[in-house]
């Protein structure tokens, strides 16, 4: 009985590890800056609104800027590693 329980825990651990690996993915995101909250942005994309965390070493673009980002996406959150301003709208 004890051995069987250990196998089940091991399988749960593997399943949980796979779930975490799938949840956060490297990717590219583009859209228009809708709101700015210090180092965080709300970006309107073709898939909806995404909360973006901008590292301190990157300049935060102004509202209305069309941007492209590279980084890691986890659901409706995106952590930017690189940010390019495509166009600025006044």
Protein backbone atom coordinates (compact mmCIF):
# COMPACT_ATOMS: atom_id res chain seq x y z
CA UNK A 1 0.00 0.00 0.00
CA UNK A 2 2.74 2.46 0.91
CA UNK A 3 4.57 1.89 -2.40
CA UNK A 4 1.40 2.52 -4.38
CA UNK A 5 0.86 5.85 -2.56
CA UNK A 6 4.44 6.95 -3.38
CA UNK A 7 3.84 6.26 -7.07
CA UNK A 8 0.70 8.38 -7.04
CA UNK A 9 2.51 11.29 -5.40
CA UNK A 10 5.27 11.01 -7.99
CA UNK A 11 2.74 11.11 -10.82
CA UNK A 12 1.06 14.17 -9.29
CA UNK A 13 4.43 15.90 -9.04
CA UNK A 14 5.17 15.26 -12.71
CA UNK A 15 1.71 16.44 -13.74
CA UNK A 16 2.09 19.63 -11.69
CA UNK A 17 5.52 20.29 -13.25
CA UNK A 18 4.14 19.89 -16.76
CA UNK A 19 1.26 22.25 -15.91
CA UNK A 20 3.68 24.95 -14.76
CA UNK A 21 5.82 24.58 -17.87
CA UNK A 22 2.79 24.97 -20.11
CA UNK A 23 1.32 27.92 -18.19
CA UNK A 24 4.22 30.36 -18.73
CA UNK A 25 5.48 30.59 -22.31
CA UNK A 26 8.01 32.74 -24.15
CA UNK A 27 6.38 34.83 -26.83
CA UNK A 28 5.85 38.04 -28.73
CA UNK A 29 3.01 40.46 -28.04
CA UNK A 30 1.95 43.57 -29.92
CA UNK A 31 -0.75 46.11 -29.35
CA UNK A 32 -1.57 49.62 -28.18
CA UNK A 33 -0.83 50.94 -24.69
CA UNK A 34 -4.18 51.68 -23.04
CA UNK A 35 -3.10 52.51 -19.49
CA UNK A 36 0.17 53.03 -17.58
CA UNK A 37 0.67 52.30 -13.86
CA UNK A 38 4.37 52.89 -13.13
CA UNK A 39 6.19 49.84 -14.50
CA UNK A 40 2.94 48.15 -15.55
CA UNK A 41 0.94 48.65 -18.73
CA UNK A 42 -2.43 47.55 -19.97
CA UNK A 43 -2.00 46.70 -23.65
CA UNK A 44 -4.94 46.26 -26.02
CA UNK A 45 -4.18 43.35 -28.36
CA UNK A 46 -6.21 41.50 -30.96
CA UNK A 47 -6.88 38.87 -28.25
CA UNK A 48 -7.97 41.34 -25.57
CA UNK A 49 -6.32 43.34 -22.78
CA UNK A 50 -3.06 42.11 -21.26
CA UNK A 51 -1.26 43.31 -18.14
CA UNK A 52 2.42 43.87 -18.97
CA UNK A 53 5.23 44.18 -16.42
CA UNK A 54 8.09 46.32 -17.79
CA UNK A 55 11.56 45.86 -16.21
CA UNK A 56 13.14 48.97 -14.64
CA UNK A 57 15.84 49.16 -17.34
CA UNK A 58 13.25 49.64 -20.12
CA UNK A 59 11.54 52.95 -20.81
CA UNK A 60 7.78 52.87 -20.29
CA UNK A 61 5.92 54.06 -23.42
CA UNK A 62 3.08 56.58 -23.27
CA UNK A 63 -0.61 55.80 -23.62
CA UNK A 64 -1.57 55.39 -27.27
CA UNK A 65 1.83 54.03 -28.34
CA UNK A 66 1.79 51.02 -30.64
CA UNK A 67 4.34 48.55 -29.24
CA UNK A 68 5.87 45.13 -29.79
CA UNK A 69 7.13 43.10 -26.82
CA UNK A 70 9.21 39.99 -26.32
CA UNK A 71 9.01 38.13 -23.04
CA UNK A 72 7.06 35.55 -21.10
CA UNK A 73 3.30 35.19 -21.10
CA UNK A 74 1.33 33.59 -18.29
CA UNK A 75 -2.40 33.77 -18.99
CA UNK A 76 -3.43 37.45 -19.20
CA UNK A 77 -0.07 38.64 -17.77
CA UNK A 78 3.11 39.30 -19.74
CA UNK A 79 6.59 40.02 -18.40
CA UNK A 80 8.55 42.00 -21.00
CA UNK A 81 12.24 41.34 -21.71
CA UNK A 82 12.37 43.65 -24.76
CA UNK A 83 10.09 46.49 -25.88
CA UNK A 84 9.95 48.27 -29.24
CA UNK A 85 7.81 51.36 -29.89
CA UNK A 86 6.38 51.02 -33.41
CA UNK A 87 4.42 54.29 -33.47
CA UNK A 88 3.50 57.06 -31.06
CA UNK A 89 0.04 58.64 -31.14
CA UNK A 90 -0.38 62.07 -29.59
